[in-house]
Amino acid sequence: MIKNYLGTFAGRDQICFDLKNVTNRGGNGDIRYTEIEVLGSDGSTSRMVRSGDSLVVRLHYHAQKTIRNPHFALELFSDFGAKVTSLSTWTSGFDIPMLPPGDGYIDLTIDSLNIRADRYFVSLWLASAGDVWYDRVDHCAALDVEASDFYQSGRDHHAGIVLLPCKWELNGS
C-alpha cells in the first residue's frame, strides 16, 4: 500500500521512456530501440523500483529488415559515471537466431535488484557478431531506485552501490 502511495505521489503511473525521437544515437539503424518499460515481476505496470525488487525491463524495438543473431544489451551507470552492470543476451547465452522485420520487444528479468537507493542511468545497445552495430543510445533513461529494508534489520545501509545477500555466523566462545 505504501509502495503504491509513494509511486502515485511521485506523479507517475508507470516507468516508461519513449526513445522514438532520440537523435543522439549510433549504429546503422537496421534495428532501433523505441521504448523502455519497467514492470513488476508479475508483468504488471510498475510505479517504482526498490532495492532488492525483482523486475522486468521490457525493451521495445523496430527492425527494418530480417536480422540474424542480434545481441540486446542494457547497461546501468551511477550518477558518477561508474558502470554498475552490463547485461546482454550475448553474455547470458540467450541466442536469437533470427529477428523478423517489424515491431517487437524483449524482456529482461532481474530476479533481485541488489543496488542501493539512488539514481542510475540506462544505456542500451544492439549489435551482432562481426561487430555490426545496429543501435546505441547512451544515458537514454534514468532509473530511480527507492530505499528498502533489504537486510530486514530495520536499519539504513549506506555503504557502496551493491547490496550483497549475506548471513553472519559467530563461532567460538
C-alpha atoms as a PDB file:
ATOM      1  CA  MET A   1       0.000   0.000   0.000  1.00  0.00           C
ATOM      2  CA  ILE A   2       2.816   2.400   0.917  1.00  0.00           C
ATOM      3  CA  LYS A   3       4.682   1.452  -2.277  1.00  0.00           C
ATOM      4  CA  ASN A   4       1.648   2.340  -4.416  1.00  0.00           C
ATOM      5  CA  TYR A   5       1.058   5.579  -2.498  1.00  0.00           C
ATOM      6  CA  LEU A   6       4.653   6.725  -2.965  1.00  0.00           C
ATOM      7  CA  GLY A   7       4.503   5.868  -6.665  1.00  0.00           C
ATOM      8  CA  THR A   8       1.362   7.965  -7.040  1.00  0.00           C
ATOM      9  CA  PHE A   9       2.919  10.802  -5.062  1.00  0.00           C
ATOM     10  CA  ALA A  10       5.842  10.790  -7.466  1.00  0.00           C
ATOM     11  CA  GLY A  11       3.320  11.575 -10.230  1.00  0.00           C
ATOM     12  CA  ARG A  12       3.997   8.524 -12.388  1.00  0.00           C
ATOM     13  CA  ASP A  13       1.564   5.866 -13.457  1.00  0.00           C
ATOM     14  CA  GLN A  14       4.401   3.740 -14.756  1.00  0.00           C
ATOM     15  CA  ILE A  15       8.076   3.829 -15.515  1.00  0.00           C
ATOM     16  CA  CYS A  16       8.300   4.215 -19.280  1.00  0.00           C
ATOM     17  CA  PHE A  17      10.723   6.009 -21.594  1.00  0.00           C
ATOM     18  CA  ASP A  18       9.928   6.823 -25.239  1.00  0.00           C
ATOM     19  CA  LEU A  19      13.034   6.511 -27.423  1.00  0.00           C
ATOM     20  CA  LYS A  20      11.457   7.014 -30.863  1.00  0.00           C
ATOM     21  CA  ASN A  21      12.637  10.600 -31.270  1.00  0.00           C
ATOM     22  CA  VAL A  22      16.084  10.275 -29.689  1.00  0.00           C
ATOM     23  CA  THR A  23      18.580  11.634 -32.215  1.00  0.00           C
ATOM     24  CA  ASN A  24      21.827  11.201 -30.272  1.00  0.00           C
ATOM     25  CA  ARG A  25      22.427   7.548 -31.099  1.00  0.00           C
ATOM     26  CA  GLY A  26      24.862   5.385 -33.008  1.00  0.00           C
ATOM     27  CA  GLY A  27      24.583   2.340 -35.255  1.00  0.00           C
ATOM     28  CA  ASN A  28      23.316   1.700 -38.752  1.00  0.00           C
ATOM     29  CA  GLY A  29      19.608   1.818 -37.777  1.00  0.00           C
ATOM     30  CA  ASP A  30      18.601  -1.638 -39.051  1.00  0.00           C
ATOM     31  CA  ILE A  31      17.117  -2.120 -35.555  1.00  0.00           C
ATOM     32  CA  ARG A  32      16.264   0.748 -33.204  1.00  0.00           C
ATOM     33  CA  TYR A  33      15.109   0.775 -29.608  1.00  0.00           C
ATOM     34  CA  THR A  34      11.753   2.560 -29.424  1.00  0.00           C
ATOM     35  CA  GLU A  35      10.745   2.362 -25.756  1.00  0.00           C
ATOM     36  CA  ILE A  36      11.765   1.097 -22.314  1.00  0.00           C
ATOM     37  CA  GLU A  37       9.180  -0.076 -19.778  1.00  0.00           C
ATOM     38  CA  VAL A  38       9.850  -1.199 -16.219  1.00  0.00           C
ATOM     39  CA  LEU A  39       7.349  -3.778 -14.999  1.00  0.00           C
ATOM     40  CA  GLY A  40       6.830  -5.670 -11.767  1.00  0.00           C
ATOM     41  CA  SER A  41       7.967  -9.291 -11.687  1.00  0.00           C
ATOM     42  CA  ASP A  42       4.372 -10.333 -12.467  1.00  0.00           C
ATOM     43  CA  GLY A  43       4.357  -8.223 -15.649  1.00  0.00           C
ATOM     44  CA  SER A  44       2.131  -5.507 -14.201  1.00  0.00           C
ATOM     45  CA  THR A  45       2.930  -1.837 -14.630  1.00  0.00           C
ATOM     46  CA  SER A  46       5.435  -0.693 -12.044  1.00  0.00           C
ATOM     47  CA  ARG A  47       5.225   2.688 -10.338  1.00  0.00           C
ATOM     48  CA  MET A  48       8.582   2.471  -8.616  1.00  0.00           C
ATOM     49  CA  VAL A  49      11.587   0.237  -8.138  1.00  0.00           C
ATOM     50  CA  ARG A  50      13.053  -0.555  -4.733  1.00  0.00           C
ATOM     51  CA  SER A  51      16.382  -2.067  -3.734  1.00  0.00           C
ATOM     52  CA  GLY A  52      16.046  -5.848  -3.818  1.00  0.00           C
ATOM     53  CA  ASP A  53      12.912  -5.865  -6.000  1.00  0.00           C
ATOM     54  CA  SER A  54      12.507  -8.298  -8.837  1.00  0.00           C
ATOM     55  CA  LEU A  55      11.503  -6.578 -12.051  1.00  0.00           C
ATOM     56  CA  VAL A  56      11.145  -6.897 -15.789  1.00  0.00           C
ATOM     57  CA  VAL A  57      12.703  -4.381 -18.157  1.00  0.00           C
ATOM     58  CA  ARG A  58      10.799  -4.509 -21.457  1.00  0.00           C
ATOM     59  CA  LEU A  59      12.869  -3.215 -24.379  1.00  0.00           C
ATOM     60  CA  HIS A  60      10.710  -2.352 -27.396  1.00  0.00           C
ATOM     61  CA  TYR A  61      12.356  -2.222 -30.815  1.00  0.00           C
ATOM     62  CA  HIS A  62      11.653  -1.797 -34.511  1.00  0.00           C
ATOM     63  CA  ALA A  63      13.586  -3.888 -37.067  1.00  0.00           C
ATOM     64  CA  GLN A  64      13.786  -2.516 -40.612  1.00  0.00           C
ATOM     65  CA  LYS A  65      14.674  -5.936 -42.060  1.00  0.00           C
ATOM     66  CA  THR A  66      15.414  -9.519 -41.024  1.00  0.00           C
ATOM     67  CA  ILE A  67      18.385  -9.595 -38.663  1.00  0.00           C
ATOM     68  CA  ARG A  68      20.454 -12.683 -37.917  1.00  0.00           C
ATOM     69  CA  ASN A  69      21.884 -13.259 -34.404  1.00  0.00           C
ATOM     70  CA  PRO A  70      21.191  -9.873 -32.779  1.00  0.00           C
ATOM     71  CA  HIS A  71      22.510  -9.128 -29.278  1.00  0.00           C
ATOM     72  CA  PHE A  72      20.460  -6.874 -26.977  1.00  0.00           C
ATOM     73  CA  ALA A  73      22.120  -5.120 -24.030  1.00  0.00           C
ATOM     74  CA  LEU A  74      21.334  -2.844 -21.116  1.00  0.00           C
ATOM     75  CA  GLU A  75      23.951  -1.077 -19.009  1.00  0.00           C
ATOM     76  CA  LEU A  76      23.467   0.795 -15.725  1.00  0.00           C
ATOM     77  CA  PHE A  77      25.712   3.674 -14.662  1.00  0.00           C
ATOM     78  CA  SER A  78      25.934   5.518 -11.349  1.00  0.00           C
ATOM     79  CA  ASP A  79      25.481   9.276 -11.266  1.00  0.00           C
ATOM     80  CA  PHE A  80      29.303   9.500 -11.096  1.00  0.00           C
ATOM     81  CA  GLY A  81      29.593   7.616 -14.409  1.00  0.00           C
ATOM     82  CA  ALA A  82      30.775   4.275 -12.995  1.00  0.00           C
ATOM     83  CA  LYS A  83      29.385   1.246 -14.812  1.00  0.00           C
ATOM     84  CA  VAL A  84      27.327  -0.697 -12.278  1.00  0.00           C
ATOM     85  CA  THR A  85      26.476  -3.591 -14.590  1.00  0.00           C
ATOM     86  CA  SER A  86      26.244  -4.660 -18.210  1.00  0.00           C
ATOM     87  CA  LEU A  87      23.570  -7.220 -19.076  1.00  0.00           C
ATOM     88  CA  SER A  88      23.308  -8.676 -22.559  1.00  0.00           C
ATOM     89  CA  THR A  89      21.763 -11.585 -24.386  1.00  0.00           C
ATOM     90  CA  TRP A  90      25.252 -12.483 -25.609  1.00  0.00           C
ATOM     91  CA  THR A  91      26.899 -12.747 -22.162  1.00  0.00           C
ATOM     92  CA  SER A  92      23.829 -14.547 -20.776  1.00  0.00           C
ATOM     93  CA  GLY A  93      23.969 -17.128 -23.578  1.00  0.00           C
ATOM     94  CA  PHE A  94      20.486 -16.217 -24.837  1.00  0.00           C
ATOM     95  CA  ASP A  95      20.764 -16.749 -28.594  1.00  0.00           C
ATOM     96  CA  ILE A  96      18.323 -15.207 -31.049  1.00  0.00           C
ATOM     97  CA  PRO A  97      18.929 -16.915 -34.411  1.00  0.00           C
ATOM     98  CA  MET A  98      16.693 -14.579 -36.433  1.00  0.00           C
ATOM     99  CA  LEU A  99      14.648 -11.451 -35.807  1.00  0.00           C
ATOM    100  CA  PRO A 100      11.919 -10.682 -38.385  1.00  0.00           C
ATOM    101  CA  PRO A 101      11.200  -7.129 -39.575  1.00  0.00           C
ATOM    102  CA  GLY A 102       8.677  -5.072 -37.636  1.00  0.00           C
ATOM    103  CA  ASP A 103       7.932  -4.106 -34.055  1.00  0.00           C
ATOM    104  CA  GLY A 104       8.599  -6.295 -31.062  1.00  0.00           C
ATOM    105  CA  TYR A 105      10.020  -6.378 -27.575  1.00  0.00           C
ATOM    106  CA  ILE A 106      12.363  -8.431 -25.453  1.00  0.00           C
ATOM    107  CA  ASP A 107      12.019  -8.818 -21.688  1.00  0.00           C
ATOM    108  CA  LEU A 108      14.971  -8.740 -19.308  1.00  0.00           C
ATOM    109  CA  THR A 109      14.018 -10.247 -15.943  1.00  0.00           C
ATOM    110  CA  ILE A 110      16.126  -9.207 -12.961  1.00  0.00           C
ATOM    111  CA  ASP A 111      15.478 -11.515 -10.006  1.00  0.00           C
ATOM    112  CA  SER A 112      16.784  -9.099  -7.378  1.00  0.00           C
ATOM    113  CA  LEU A 113      17.965  -5.547  -7.979  1.00  0.00           C
ATOM    114  CA  ASN A 114      20.786  -5.647  -5.431  1.00  0.00           C
ATOM    115  CA  ILE A 115      21.765  -1.985  -5.619  1.00  0.00           C
ATOM    116  CA  ARG A 116      21.267   0.772  -3.092  1.00  0.00           C
ATOM    117  CA  ALA A 117      18.752   3.565  -3.467  1.00  0.00           C
ATOM    118  CA  ASP A 118      19.986   6.175  -5.934  1.00  0.00           C
ATOM    119  CA  ARG A 119      19.504   7.445  -9.476  1.00  0.00           C
ATOM    120  CA  TYR A 120      21.048   5.279 -12.202  1.00  0.00           C
ATOM    121  CA  PHE A 121      21.367   5.964 -15.911  1.00  0.00           C
ATOM    122  CA  VAL A 122      20.457   3.410 -18.564  1.00  0.00           C
ATOM    123  CA  SER A 123      22.347   2.898 -21.806  1.00  0.00           C
ATOM    124  CA  LEU A 124      21.266   0.418 -24.483  1.00  0.00           C
ATOM    125  CA  TRP A 125      22.965  -1.194 -27.436  1.00  0.00           C
ATOM    126  CA  LEU A 126      22.063  -3.627 -30.210  1.00  0.00           C
ATOM    127  CA  ALA A 127      24.737  -5.447 -32.195  1.00  0.00           C
ATOM    128  CA  SER A 128      25.575  -8.747 -33.852  1.00  0.00           C
ATOM    129  CA  ALA A 129      28.576 -10.981 -34.162  1.00  0.00           C
ATOM    130  CA  GLY A 130      31.081  -9.477 -36.540  1.00  0.00           C
ATOM    131  CA  ASP A 131      30.966  -6.011 -34.982  1.00  0.00           C
ATOM    132  CA  VAL A 132      27.826  -4.786 -36.731  1.00  0.00           C
ATOM    133  CA  TRP A 133      26.281  -2.072 -34.548  1.00  0.00           C
ATOM    134  CA  TYR A 134      22.565  -1.507 -35.080  1.00  0.00           C
ATOM    135  CA  ASP A 135      21.767   0.937 -32.276  1.00  0.00           C
ATOM    136  CA  ARG A 136      23.469   2.562 -29.295  1.00  0.00           C
ATOM    137  CA  VAL A 137      21.699   5.012 -27.009  1.00  0.00           C
ATOM    138  CA  ASP A 138      23.764   6.284 -24.085  1.00  0.00           C
ATOM    139  CA  HIS A 139      22.115   7.505 -20.875  1.00  0.00           C
ATOM    140  CA  CYS A 140      18.679   7.428 -22.505  1.00  0.00           C
ATOM    141  CA  ALA A 141      16.754   6.915 -19.264  1.00  0.00           C
ATOM    142  CA  ALA A 142      17.077   7.483 -15.547  1.00  0.00           C
ATOM    143  CA  LEU A 143      16.123   4.703 -13.153  1.00  0.00           C
ATOM    144  CA  ASP A 144      15.340   5.929  -9.648  1.00  0.00           C
ATOM    145  CA  VAL A 145      15.752   3.125  -7.132  1.00  0.00           C
ATOM    146  CA  GLU A 146      13.977   3.694  -3.822  1.00  0.00           C
ATOM    147  CA  ALA A 147      15.272   2.508  -0.457  1.00  0.00           C
ATOM    148  CA  SER A 148      14.007  -0.708   1.103  1.00  0.00           C
ATOM    149  CA  ASP A 149      14.801  -2.750   4.187  1.00  0.00           C
ATOM    150  CA  PHE A 150      16.998  -5.037   2.069  1.00  0.00           C
ATOM    151  CA  TYR A 151      18.646  -6.764   5.051  1.00  0.00           C
ATOM    152  CA  GLN A 152      15.391  -6.857   7.027  1.00  0.00           C
ATOM    153  CA  SER A 153      17.171  -5.310  10.001  1.00  0.00           C
ATOM    154  CA  GLY A 154      15.212  -2.088  10.257  1.00  0.00           C
ATOM    155  CA  ARG A 155      18.479  -0.224   9.716  1.00  0.00           C
ATOM    156  CA  ASP A 156      19.636   2.027   6.935  1.00  0.00           C
ATOM    157  CA  HIS A 157      22.540   0.942   4.705  1.00  0.00           C
ATOM    158  CA  HIS A 158      24.841   3.457   3.055  1.00  0.00           C
ATOM    159  CA  ALA A 159      27.976   1.520   2.137  1.00  0.00           C
ATOM    160  CA  GLY A 160      28.732   1.042  -1.557  1.00  0.00           C
ATOM    161  CA  ILE A 161      26.481   0.591  -4.562  1.00  0.00           C
ATOM    162  CA  VAL A 162      25.934  -3.177  -4.454  1.00  0.00           C
ATOM    163  CA  LEU A 163      23.829  -4.915  -1.817  1.00  0.00           C
ATOM    164  CA  LEU A 164      25.014  -8.487  -1.347  1.00  0.00           C
ATOM    165  CA  PRO A 165      22.710 -11.056   0.229  1.00  0.00           C
ATOM    166  CA  CYS A 166      24.603 -12.427   3.219  1.00  0.00           C
ATOM    167  CA  LYS A 167      24.385 -14.194   6.555  1.00  0.00           C
ATOM    168  CA  TRP A 168      26.620 -13.828   9.607  1.00  0.00           C
ATOM    169  CA  GLU A 169      27.555 -16.705  11.877  1.00  0.00           C
ATOM    170  CA  LEU A 170      29.586 -16.457  15.074  1.00  0.00           C
ATOM    171  CA  ASN A 171      31.563 -19.490  16.140  1.00  0.00           C
ATOM    172  CA  GLY A 172      33.658 -19.528  19.269  1.00  0.00           C
ATOM    173  CA  SER A 173      33.420 -18.640  22.893  1.00  0.00           C
END
